[in-house]
Amino acid sequence: MENMQQILSSLLPFIVLILIFYFFIIRPQRVQQKKHKEMIENLKKGDKIVTTGGFICEVVKTEEGFISVKINEETTAKVTKEYIAYKVEG
């Protein structure tokens, strides 16, 4: 019985560290990933986005793995959904 208590008391700091790691790093990152995925899925024509490269674009058409965007009046391009940083509000 004393041996079991000793094992538990030596494992307790590791368990606490794992819980702290989960609640302060893993869980917030998953929440952020979920919000980003929802934002990308809800993009529609006319929305303004910023790519990870810093381009501010307007959504022209959404496709399966890509989004067609208008960079300026003459230029359109396709951007993969992974490279969309955020949606510009307003």
C-alpha atoms as a PDB file:
ATOM      1  CA  MET A   1       0.000   0.000   0.000  1.00  0.00           C
ATOM      2  CA  GLU A   2       2.812   2.386   0.848  1.00  0.00           C
ATOM      3  CA  ASN A   3       4.525   1.527  -2.433  1.00  0.00           C
ATOM      4  CA  MET A   4       1.390   2.432  -4.406  1.00  0.00           C
ATOM      5  CA  GLN A   5       1.097   5.738  -2.564  1.00  0.00           C
ATOM      6  CA  GLN A   6       4.709   6.509  -3.371  1.00  0.00           C
ATOM      7  CA  ILE A   7       4.143   5.821  -7.084  1.00  0.00           C
ATOM      8  CA  LEU A   8       1.067   8.067  -7.152  1.00  0.00           C
ATOM      9  CA  SER A   9       2.860  10.899  -5.381  1.00  0.00           C
ATOM     10  CA  SER A  10       5.735  10.703  -7.877  1.00  0.00           C
ATOM     11  CA  LEU A  11       3.346  10.718 -10.883  1.00  0.00           C
ATOM     12  CA  LEU A  12       1.199  13.597  -9.631  1.00  0.00           C
ATOM     13  CA  PRO A  13       3.507  16.395 -10.931  1.00  0.00           C
ATOM     14  CA  PHE A  14       3.530  14.835 -14.411  1.00  0.00           C
ATOM     15  CA  ILE A  15      -0.252  14.561 -14.452  1.00  0.00           C
ATOM     16  CA  VAL A  16      -0.571  18.209 -13.413  1.00  0.00           C
ATOM     17  CA  LEU A  17       1.876  19.264 -16.160  1.00  0.00           C
ATOM     18  CA  ILE A  18      -0.072  17.324 -18.779  1.00  0.00           C
ATOM     19  CA  LEU A  19      -3.339  18.970 -17.686  1.00  0.00           C
ATOM     20  CA  ILE A  20      -1.782  22.439 -17.760  1.00  0.00           C
ATOM     21  CA  PHE A  21      -0.304  21.744 -21.211  1.00  0.00           C
ATOM     22  CA  TYR A  22      -3.696  20.584 -22.500  1.00  0.00           C
ATOM     23  CA  PHE A  23      -5.757  23.500 -21.158  1.00  0.00           C
ATOM     24  CA  PHE A  24      -3.304  26.278 -22.050  1.00  0.00           C
ATOM     25  CA  ILE A  25      -1.892  25.055 -25.377  1.00  0.00           C
ATOM     26  CA  ILE A  26      -3.740  22.206 -27.081  1.00  0.00           C
ATOM     27  CA  ARG A  27      -7.360  23.149 -26.373  1.00  0.00           C
ATOM     28  CA  PRO A  28      -7.118  26.848 -27.406  1.00  0.00           C
ATOM     29  CA  GLN A  29      -5.305  25.842 -30.597  1.00  0.00           C
ATOM     30  CA  ARG A  30      -8.082  23.395 -31.516  1.00  0.00           C
ATOM     31  CA  VAL A  31     -10.729  26.064 -30.898  1.00  0.00           C
ATOM     32  CA  GLN A  32      -8.827  28.496 -33.133  1.00  0.00           C
ATOM     33  CA  GLN A  33      -8.471  25.874 -35.892  1.00  0.00           C
ATOM     34  CA  LYS A  34     -12.206  25.146 -35.744  1.00  0.00           C
ATOM     35  CA  LYS A  35     -13.094  28.863 -36.053  1.00  0.00           C
ATOM     36  CA  HIS A  36     -10.698  29.274 -38.997  1.00  0.00           C
ATOM     37  CA  LYS A  37     -12.180  26.260 -40.784  1.00  0.00           C
ATOM     38  CA  GLU A  38     -15.725  27.581 -40.278  1.00  0.00           C
ATOM     39  CA  MET A  39     -14.684  31.009 -41.585  1.00  0.00           C
ATOM     40  CA  ILE A  40     -13.225  29.458 -44.744  1.00  0.00           C
ATOM     41  CA  GLU A  41     -16.310  27.297 -45.319  1.00  0.00           C
ATOM     42  CA  ASN A  42     -18.617  30.324 -44.987  1.00  0.00           C
ATOM     43  CA  LEU A  43     -16.791  32.549 -47.480  1.00  0.00           C
ATOM     44  CA  LYS A  44     -18.983  33.799 -50.292  1.00  0.00           C
ATOM     45  CA  LYS A  45     -18.688  36.020 -53.350  1.00  0.00           C
ATOM     46  CA  GLY A  46     -17.792  39.582 -52.443  1.00  0.00           C
ATOM     47  CA  ASP A  47     -16.074  38.820 -49.127  1.00  0.00           C
ATOM     48  CA  LYS A  48     -12.697  40.476 -48.590  1.00  0.00           C
ATOM     49  CA  ILE A  49      -9.896  38.220 -47.364  1.00  0.00           C
ATOM     50  CA  VAL A  50      -6.217  38.511 -46.500  1.00  0.00           C
ATOM     51  CA  THR A  51      -3.870  35.735 -47.582  1.00  0.00           C
ATOM     52  CA  THR A  52      -0.894  34.578 -45.552  1.00  0.00           C
ATOM     53  CA  GLY A  53       1.265  36.346 -48.141  1.00  0.00           C
ATOM     54  CA  GLY A  54      -0.410  39.631 -47.262  1.00  0.00           C
ATOM     55  CA  PHE A  55      -2.597  40.101 -50.335  1.00  0.00           C
ATOM     56  CA  ILE A  56      -5.990  41.687 -49.756  1.00  0.00           C
ATOM     57  CA  CYS A  57      -8.399  40.075 -52.203  1.00  0.00           C
ATOM     58  CA  GLU A  58     -12.093  39.838 -52.972  1.00  0.00           C
ATOM     59  CA  VAL A  59     -13.691  36.400 -53.317  1.00  0.00           C
ATOM     60  CA  VAL A  60     -15.063  35.767 -56.793  1.00  0.00           C
ATOM     61  CA  LYS A  61     -15.920  32.066 -56.618  1.00  0.00           C
ATOM     62  CA  THR A  62     -15.445  29.231 -54.142  1.00  0.00           C
ATOM     63  CA  GLU A  63     -14.404  25.824 -55.399  1.00  0.00           C
ATOM     64  CA  GLU A  64     -13.520  22.496 -53.758  1.00  0.00           C
ATOM     65  CA  GLY A  65      -9.906  23.167 -52.780  1.00  0.00           C
ATOM     66  CA  PHE A  66      -9.439  26.664 -54.133  1.00  0.00           C
ATOM     67  CA  ILE A  67     -11.002  30.080 -53.998  1.00  0.00           C
ATOM     68  CA  SER A  68     -10.929  32.357 -57.029  1.00  0.00           C
ATOM     69  CA  VAL A  69     -10.085  35.886 -55.938  1.00  0.00           C
ATOM     70  CA  LYS A  70      -9.878  39.295 -57.562  1.00  0.00           C
ATOM     71  CA  ILE A  71      -6.699  41.132 -56.630  1.00  0.00           C
ATOM     72  CA  ASN A  72      -7.538  44.268 -58.642  1.00  0.00           C
ATOM     73  CA  GLU A  73      -9.874  45.134 -61.512  1.00  0.00           C
ATOM     74  CA  GLU A  74      -7.797  43.274 -64.124  1.00  0.00           C
ATOM     75  CA  THR A  75      -6.263  40.431 -62.103  1.00  0.00           C
ATOM     76  CA  THR A  76      -7.902  37.288 -60.793  1.00  0.00           C
ATOM     77  CA  ALA A  77      -6.108  34.332 -59.231  1.00  0.00           C
ATOM     78  CA  LYS A  78      -6.787  31.069 -57.448  1.00  0.00           C
ATOM     79  CA  VAL A  79      -5.737  30.665 -53.836  1.00  0.00           C
ATOM     80  CA  THR A  80      -5.710  27.392 -51.923  1.00  0.00           C
ATOM     81  CA  LYS A  81      -7.890  27.507 -48.838  1.00  0.00           C
ATOM     82  CA  GLU A  82      -4.917  26.762 -46.579  1.00  0.00           C
ATOM     83  CA  TYR A  83      -3.366  30.143 -47.432  1.00  0.00           C
ATOM     84  CA  ILE A  84      -6.273  32.305 -46.329  1.00  0.00           C
ATOM     85  CA  ALA A  85      -5.294  34.079 -43.122  1.00  0.00           C
ATOM     86  CA  TYR A  86      -8.517  35.856 -42.216  1.00  0.00           C
ATOM     87  CA  LYS A  87     -11.612  37.612 -43.466  1.00  0.00           C
ATOM     88  CA  VAL A  88     -11.686  41.406 -43.452  1.00  0.00           C
ATOM     89  CA  GLU A  89     -14.757  42.609 -41.586  1.00  0.00           C
ATOM     90  CA  GLY A  90     -16.561  45.752 -42.654  1.00  0.00           C
END
